[in-house]
Protein backbone atom coordinates (compact mmCIF):
# COMPACT_ATOMS: atom_id res chain seq x y z
CA MET A 1 7.76 37.03 -35.31
CA SER A 2 8.76 39.02 -38.35
CA LEU A 3 12.19 39.58 -39.77
CA LYS A 4 12.02 43.38 -38.63
CA ASP A 5 11.10 42.04 -35.00
CA ILE A 6 14.22 39.84 -35.03
CA ILE A 7 16.42 42.75 -36.00
CA ASN A 8 14.73 45.25 -33.48
CA ASN A 9 14.71 42.58 -30.72
CA ASN A 10 17.26 43.78 -28.05
CA VAL A 11 17.27 40.62 -26.01
CA THR A 12 18.52 37.32 -27.37
CA HIS A 13 17.58 33.92 -25.96
CA TRP A 14 21.05 32.59 -25.20
CA ILE A 15 21.96 35.25 -22.79
CA SER A 16 18.81 34.79 -20.69
CA GLY A 17 20.61 33.78 -17.47
CA GLU A 18 18.87 30.41 -17.69
CA GLY A 19 19.81 26.76 -18.23
CA PRO A 20 21.84 24.27 -16.26
CA ASP A 21 24.87 25.74 -14.47
CA ASN A 22 23.97 29.15 -15.69
CA GLU A 23 25.91 30.76 -12.96
CA ILE A 24 29.10 29.89 -14.63
CA VAL A 25 28.26 28.64 -18.20
CA LEU A 26 26.49 31.37 -20.12
CA SER A 27 25.80 29.45 -23.18
CA SER A 28 26.38 26.22 -25.18
CA ARG A 29 27.02 26.39 -28.94
CA ILE A 30 27.29 23.85 -31.70
CA ARG A 31 28.57 24.90 -35.13
CA LEU A 32 28.81 22.72 -38.21
CA ALA A 33 30.90 23.70 -41.32
CA ARG A 34 29.59 22.34 -44.64
CA ASN A 35 30.33 22.91 -48.24
CA ILE A 36 28.54 22.00 -51.43
CA GLU A 37 30.27 19.44 -53.70
CA ASP A 38 31.72 20.70 -57.03
CA GLU A 39 31.46 24.42 -55.84
CA PRO A 40 34.74 26.42 -54.99
CA TYR A 41 35.08 27.59 -51.46
CA PRO A 42 33.88 31.40 -50.79
CA ASN A 43 37.55 32.68 -50.70
CA GLN A 44 38.11 31.34 -54.09
CA ALA A 45 34.82 31.90 -55.69
CA SER A 46 33.67 34.54 -58.22
CA LYS A 47 30.46 36.64 -57.48
CA GLU A 48 28.43 34.43 -59.88
CA GLU A 49 29.65 31.26 -58.06
CA LYS A 50 28.79 32.85 -54.69
CA GLN A 51 25.48 33.45 -56.24
CA SER A 52 24.83 29.99 -57.31
CA VAL A 53 25.82 28.72 -53.82
CA SER A 54 23.45 31.24 -52.18
CA LYS A 55 20.71 30.29 -54.30
CA ARG A 56 20.90 26.64 -53.74
CA VAL A 57 21.28 26.95 -49.97
CA ILE A 58 18.14 29.41 -49.91
CA GLU A 59 15.98 27.02 -51.84
CA ALA A 60 16.98 24.09 -49.74
CA ILE A 61 16.18 25.80 -46.51
CA SER A 62 13.15 27.43 -47.76
CA SER A 63 11.75 24.27 -48.94
CA GLN A 64 11.80 23.00 -45.16
CA LYS A 65 8.66 24.77 -44.08
CA GLN A 66 8.81 23.20 -40.52
CA LEU A 67 12.08 25.08 -39.89
CA LYS A 68 10.37 28.56 -39.79
CA LEU A 69 13.63 30.39 -40.46
CA HIS A 70 13.85 33.92 -41.75
CA TYR A 71 16.39 34.95 -44.41
CA ILE A 72 18.50 38.13 -44.21
CA ASN A 73 20.61 39.24 -47.12
CA LEU A 74 23.57 40.73 -45.26
CA ALA A 75 24.57 42.86 -48.34
CA ASP A 76 21.25 44.74 -47.83
CA MET A 77 21.96 45.57 -44.17
CA PRO A 78 23.55 48.68 -42.83
CA GLU A 79 26.81 47.94 -41.10
CA LEU A 80 25.34 48.87 -37.62
CA GLU A 81 22.65 46.08 -37.99
CA ARG A 82 25.32 43.60 -39.13
CA ASP A 83 27.50 44.61 -35.98
CA LEU A 84 24.38 43.99 -33.91
CA LEU A 85 24.03 40.39 -35.15
CA VAL A 86 27.78 39.95 -34.27
CA GLU A 87 27.22 41.12 -30.80
CA LYS A 88 24.39 38.73 -30.52
CA HIS A 89 26.80 35.97 -31.66
CA LEU A 90 24.32 35.23 -34.56
CA ILE A 91 26.95 35.82 -37.24
CA SER A 92 30.79 35.97 -37.07
CA PRO A 93 32.80 39.01 -37.47
CA VAL A 94 34.30 37.49 -40.66
CA HIS A 95 30.66 37.08 -41.94
CA ALA A 96 29.74 40.79 -41.10
CA ARG A 97 32.53 42.20 -43.45
CA GLU A 98 31.17 43.54 -46.73
CA GLY A 99 31.18 40.97 -49.43
CA TYR A 100 29.04 39.44 -52.20
CA GLU A 101 26.14 37.09 -51.56
CA LYS A 102 26.43 36.70 -47.82
CA GLY A 103 23.24 35.81 -45.91
CA VAL A 104 21.94 34.20 -42.79
CA PHE A 105 18.82 32.27 -41.74
CA LEU A 106 17.39 32.98 -38.10
CA ASP A 107 14.63 31.58 -36.30
CA ASP A 108 12.29 33.68 -34.06
CA ASN A 109 14.23 33.12 -30.74
CA GLU A 110 17.67 33.44 -32.31
CA ARG A 111 18.55 29.96 -31.22
CA ILE A 112 19.46 28.91 -34.74
CA SER A 113 21.43 30.59 -37.24
CA VAL A 114 22.61 29.26 -40.67
CA MET A 115 25.38 31.53 -42.26
CA ILE A 116 25.66 31.40 -45.99
CA ASN A 117 29.09 32.10 -47.91
CA GLU A 118 31.24 32.83 -44.62
CA GLU A 119 34.56 30.91 -44.71
CA ASP A 120 32.47 27.86 -45.75
CA HIS A 121 29.40 27.71 -47.90
CA ILE A 122 27.28 26.69 -44.81
CA ARG A 123 27.93 27.27 -41.12
CA ILE A 124 25.01 25.79 -39.00
CA GLN A 125 24.93 27.32 -35.51
CA VAL A 126 22.62 26.38 -32.59
CA LEU A 127 23.02 28.54 -29.49
CA THR A 128 21.40 27.82 -26.07
CA PRO A 129 21.69 29.18 -22.47
CA GLY A 130 23.63 27.23 -19.85
CA LEU A 131 25.38 24.00 -20.11
CA GLN A 132 23.28 22.03 -22.77
CA LEU A 133 25.95 20.65 -25.23
CA ASP A 134 23.90 17.47 -25.90
CA GLU A 135 20.55 19.20 -26.43
CA THR A 136 22.26 21.77 -28.61
CA TRP A 137 24.00 19.04 -30.74
CA GLU A 138 20.80 17.18 -31.27
CA LEU A 139 19.11 20.26 -32.85
CA ALA A 140 22.15 21.14 -35.00
CA SER A 141 22.33 17.56 -36.14
CA GLU A 142 18.62 17.33 -37.13
CA LEU A 143 19.05 20.77 -39.15
CA ASP A 144 22.23 19.12 -40.94
CA ASP A 145 20.35 16.01 -41.88
CA LEU A 146 17.44 18.09 -43.27
CA LEU A 147 19.98 20.18 -45.42
CA GLU A 148 21.87 17.02 -46.60
CA ARG A 149 18.86 15.54 -48.09
CA LYS A 150 18.58 18.57 -50.27
CA LEU A 151 22.26 19.25 -51.07
CA ASP A 152 25.26 17.23 -51.67
CA PHE A 153 27.82 18.17 -49.17
CA ALA A 154 31.59 17.81 -50.01
CA PHE A 155 32.78 14.60 -48.25
CA SER A 156 35.82 12.31 -48.46
CA GLU A 157 35.67 8.71 -47.12
CA LYS A 158 39.39 9.46 -45.88
CA TRP A 159 39.00 12.89 -44.47
CA GLY A 160 35.37 13.41 -43.75
CA TYR A 161 33.56 16.64 -44.44
CA LEU A 162 35.76 19.19 -46.39
CA SER A 163 36.29 22.58 -45.33
CA SER A 164 38.34 25.85 -46.42
CA CYS A 165 39.73 25.69 -42.91
CA PRO A 166 41.97 22.70 -42.05
CA THR A 167 40.80 22.57 -38.49
CA ASN A 168 37.24 22.03 -39.63
CA VAL A 169 38.12 18.97 -41.91
CA GLY A 170 36.44 15.90 -40.47
CA THR A 171 33.17 16.05 -38.75
CA GLY A 172 33.21 20.00 -39.36
CA LEU A 173 31.94 20.17 -35.68
CA ARG A 174 33.00 23.27 -33.35
CA ALA A 175 31.47 22.73 -29.95
CA SER A 176 31.98 25.49 -27.54
CA VAL A 177 30.85 26.87 -24.21
CA MET A 178 31.06 30.45 -22.91
CA VAL A 179 31.94 30.69 -19.30
CA HIS A 180 32.15 33.23 -16.72
CA LEU A 181 35.33 32.80 -14.59
CA PRO A 182 35.85 35.80 -12.29
CA ALA A 183 36.82 33.85 -9.29
CA LEU A 184 39.56 31.97 -10.91
CA SER A 185 40.77 35.32 -12.37
CA LEU A 186 40.77 37.12 -8.90
CA THR A 187 42.72 34.21 -7.29
CA ASN A 188 45.35 34.27 -10.15
CA ASN A 189 44.50 30.58 -11.05
CA ILE A 190 43.01 31.50 -14.56
CA GLY A 191 46.38 30.81 -16.22
CA LYS A 192 46.80 27.28 -14.81
CA MET A 193 43.29 26.39 -15.88
CA LEU A 194 43.82 27.61 -19.45
CA THR A 195 47.05 25.80 -19.77
CA ALA A 196 45.41 22.43 -18.49
CA VAL A 197 42.39 23.00 -20.99
CA SER A 198 44.87 23.30 -23.90
CA LYS A 199 46.61 20.09 -22.89
CA LEU A 200 43.15 18.33 -23.08
CA GLY A 201 42.66 19.26 -26.91
CA LEU A 202 40.70 22.36 -26.33
CA THR A 203 41.39 25.98 -27.15
CA VAL A 204 40.35 29.19 -25.22
CA ARG A 205 39.34 32.43 -26.86
CA GLY A 206 37.86 35.68 -26.01
CA ILE A 207 34.04 36.58 -26.21
CA TYR A 208 33.88 36.90 -29.71
CA GLY A 209 36.09 34.00 -30.74
CA GLU A 210 39.20 33.92 -32.67
CA GLY A 211 41.32 36.99 -32.41
CA SER A 212 39.28 38.44 -29.53
CA GLU A 213 40.21 39.20 -25.93
CA SER A 214 38.59 38.07 -22.91
CA ASN A 215 36.46 40.88 -21.21
CA GLY A 216 34.63 40.58 -17.92
CA SER A 217 36.27 37.15 -17.18
CA ILE A 218 34.27 35.51 -20.11
CA TYR A 219 36.02 33.01 -22.10
CA GLN A 220 35.04 30.61 -25.02
CA ILE A 221 36.17 27.16 -24.70
CA SER A 222 36.08 24.75 -27.69
CA ASN A 223 37.57 21.84 -29.55
CA GLN A 224 40.67 22.36 -31.44
CA VAL A 225 40.30 19.90 -34.41
CA THR A 226 37.83 17.63 -35.71
CA LEU A 227 39.79 15.20 -37.79
CA GLY A 228 40.17 11.70 -36.21
CA HIS A 229 37.37 12.36 -33.58
CA SER A 230 33.73 11.62 -33.66
CA GLU A 231 31.05 14.09 -32.67
CA ARG A 232 30.21 12.05 -29.47
CA ASP A 233 33.93 12.16 -28.53
CA ILE A 234 34.18 15.98 -29.07
CA ILE A 235 31.02 16.64 -27.11
CA ASP A 236 31.74 14.34 -24.25
CA ASN A 237 35.28 15.85 -23.81
CA LEU A 238 33.98 19.37 -23.68
CA ASN A 239 31.25 18.32 -21.31
CA SER A 240 33.65 16.78 -18.91
CA VAL A 241 36.21 19.62 -19.02
CA SER A 242 33.18 21.97 -18.65
CA LYS A 243 32.10 20.34 -15.44
CA GLN A 244 35.77 20.42 -14.11
CA ILE A 245 35.91 24.08 -14.81
CA ILE A 246 32.71 24.65 -13.02
CA GLY A 247 34.00 22.84 -10.02
CA GLN A 248 37.31 24.94 -9.95
CA GLU A 249 35.37 28.09 -10.25
CA LYS A 250 33.14 27.13 -7.43
CA GLN A 251 35.97 26.32 -5.32
CA ALA A 252 37.65 29.60 -6.17
CA ARG A 253 34.35 31.47 -5.18
CA GLN A 254 34.16 29.42 -1.83
CA TYR A 255 37.85 30.42 -1.22
CA LEU A 256 37.05 34.10 -1.85
CA LEU A 257 34.25 34.00 0.83
CA GLN A 258 36.26 32.44 3.46
CA GLU A 259 39.62 33.96 2.95
CA LYS A 260 39.10 37.36 1.09
CA GLU A 261 35.38 38.29 2.10
CA SER A 262 35.95 41.90 2.83
CA GLU A 263 37.93 42.36 -0.28
CA VAL A 264 35.43 40.74 -2.62
CA ILE A 265 32.40 42.37 -1.15
CA ASP A 266 34.12 45.85 -1.47
CA ARG A 267 34.82 45.03 -5.10
CA ILE A 268 31.34 43.93 -5.76
CA ARG A 269 29.72 46.62 -4.10
CA ARG A 270 32.00 49.47 -5.61
CA SER A 271 31.27 47.93 -9.09
CA PHE A 272 27.56 48.15 -8.20
CA GLY A 273 28.00 51.68 -7.10
CA ILE A 274 29.62 52.92 -10.30
CA LEU A 275 27.03 51.15 -12.45
CA ASN A 276 24.39 52.85 -10.62
CA PHE A 277 25.86 56.39 -10.51
CA ALA A 278 28.50 56.95 -13.15
CA TYR A 279 27.70 59.48 -15.73
CA LYS A 280 29.76 57.71 -18.50
CA ILE A 281 30.96 54.06 -18.67
CA SER A 282 32.91 52.70 -21.80
CA SER A 283 32.02 49.28 -23.21
CA ASP A 284 35.07 47.61 -21.64
CA GLU A 285 34.49 49.01 -18.11
CA ALA A 286 30.79 48.12 -18.38
CA MET A 287 31.65 44.35 -19.05
CA LYS A 288 34.05 44.36 -16.12
CA LEU A 289 31.72 45.99 -13.69
CA ILE A 290 28.79 43.79 -14.82
CA SER A 291 31.10 40.73 -14.46
CA ASN A 292 31.84 41.79 -10.78
CA VAL A 293 28.12 42.35 -9.85
CA LYS A 294 27.06 39.03 -11.52
CA LEU A 295 29.42 37.44 -9.17
CA GLY A 296 27.94 39.14 -6.39
CA ILE A 297 24.53 37.91 -7.41
CA ASP A 298 25.72 34.38 -7.86
CA MET A 299 27.49 34.37 -4.40
CA GLY A 300 24.54 35.91 -2.67
CA ILE A 301 26.27 39.32 -1.84
CA ILE A 302 23.85 41.19 -3.84
CA ASP A 303 20.01 40.16 -3.75
CA ASN A 304 18.13 43.14 -5.06
CA VAL A 305 19.08 42.75 -8.83
CA ASP A 306 17.31 40.59 -11.35
CA LYS A 307 19.85 38.05 -12.55
CA LYS A 308 18.18 38.04 -15.94
CA VAL A 309 18.46 41.77 -16.30
CA LEU A 310 22.08 41.75 -15.49
CA SER A 311 22.82 38.91 -18.02
CA GLU A 312 21.04 40.90 -20.69
CA LEU A 313 23.11 43.87 -20.09
CA MET A 314 26.22 41.85 -21.12
CA VAL A 315 24.92 42.23 -24.69
CA LEU A 316 22.87 45.44 -24.45
CA THR A 317 25.66 47.61 -23.43
CA ARG A 318 27.88 46.74 -26.51
CA PRO A 319 28.32 49.49 -29.14
CA ALA A 320 25.99 48.49 -31.84
CA HIS A 321 23.12 47.68 -29.30
CA ILE A 322 23.49 51.15 -27.66
CA GLN A 323 23.19 52.90 -31.10
CA LYS A 324 20.40 50.68 -32.14
CA ILE A 325 18.29 51.47 -28.96
CA ASN A 326 18.95 55.21 -29.33
CA GLY A 327 17.97 54.99 -33.00
CA LYS A 328 21.08 56.68 -34.42
CA GLU A 329 25.02 56.56 -34.64
CA LEU A 330 26.70 57.91 -31.74
CA SER A 331 30.19 59.18 -30.93
CA ILE A 332 32.29 57.18 -28.44
CA SER A 333 31.51 59.70 -25.77
CA GLU A 334 27.75 59.84 -26.47
CA ARG A 335 27.69 55.92 -26.48
CA ASP A 336 29.34 55.95 -23.11
CA ILE A 337 26.76 58.57 -21.57
CA LYS A 338 23.81 56.53 -23.25
CA ARG A 339 25.22 53.18 -21.90
CA SER A 340 25.29 54.46 -18.30
CA GLU A 341 21.75 55.82 -18.72
CA LEU A 342 20.66 52.35 -19.97
CA ILE A 343 22.41 50.41 -17.25
CA GLN A 344 20.73 52.53 -14.43
CA THR A 345 17.32 52.29 -16.09
CA ARG A 346 17.71 48.54 -16.45
CA LEU A 347 18.89 48.16 -12.94
CA LYS A 348 15.81 49.58 -11.53
CA MET A 349 13.49 47.20 -13.26
């Protein structure tokens, strides 16, 4: 697959609707923050210093031919295409902002991304569908080891891997799962769950991480700090909590079927009707409606829709994707019309 193919590919691997426990866990992510010894952090570096970092990282990765990664210079990309990568969760919103010497390496199926000169010199990310934290960690760790053979990472015997962000000092590991929790929301138990999760050393964010809001009952759950905890401890804790959340969401879904069957069926079918017949649908409304219909598929209430198609719509209906698919920038009203058309076309597949 060429670099152009990656940019133009509208479907990304992690949202395939596959993987273990995929009815609740949309994806698993491992991210490692690394910095090069004796180089200033990106937020303190000059253009020339960032160029030096970028050159060293590009050379290190390019020398590892077995990785088969493609480099993208973000400075050369239109804003719309940078936003597209954010919507696919391949780069962060911070990384998409204009700036010098920012880049990213991607593999063909968009499972691996390596961000250069984000908040740290290097952010290694591996993203997989479903609950696969162990497998995801193994791949990220292998990539980290390959790069560490070529680059001297900033490391302290006392503090571990050093980072521009204090919460990343230590292992530099951020493990997270993206979960779909509509039943806990509908039964008004989501607040209790979020409070319990925070007491277990985890943090809950919206779909696009720090500073974003939950939409469509989708949440990102990740470890809060890395200092004083081993990689194994962090992953085991998140795995354990994820399985508890899966159990609670399943119980809430069973409760809805037993105690609120007519109400939940009506909600799901109304959402399905709007998706199929509305002339205009906003991005936020689309996520809420798709969330309801996905719940209907997972609960067996709707059986004539391909689950993979619906999962993909969670990304395809975002603003940058709508504009990319239509080949031009669109006004908000135009996007809402085209979004509705896209949804109705895909639901007939």
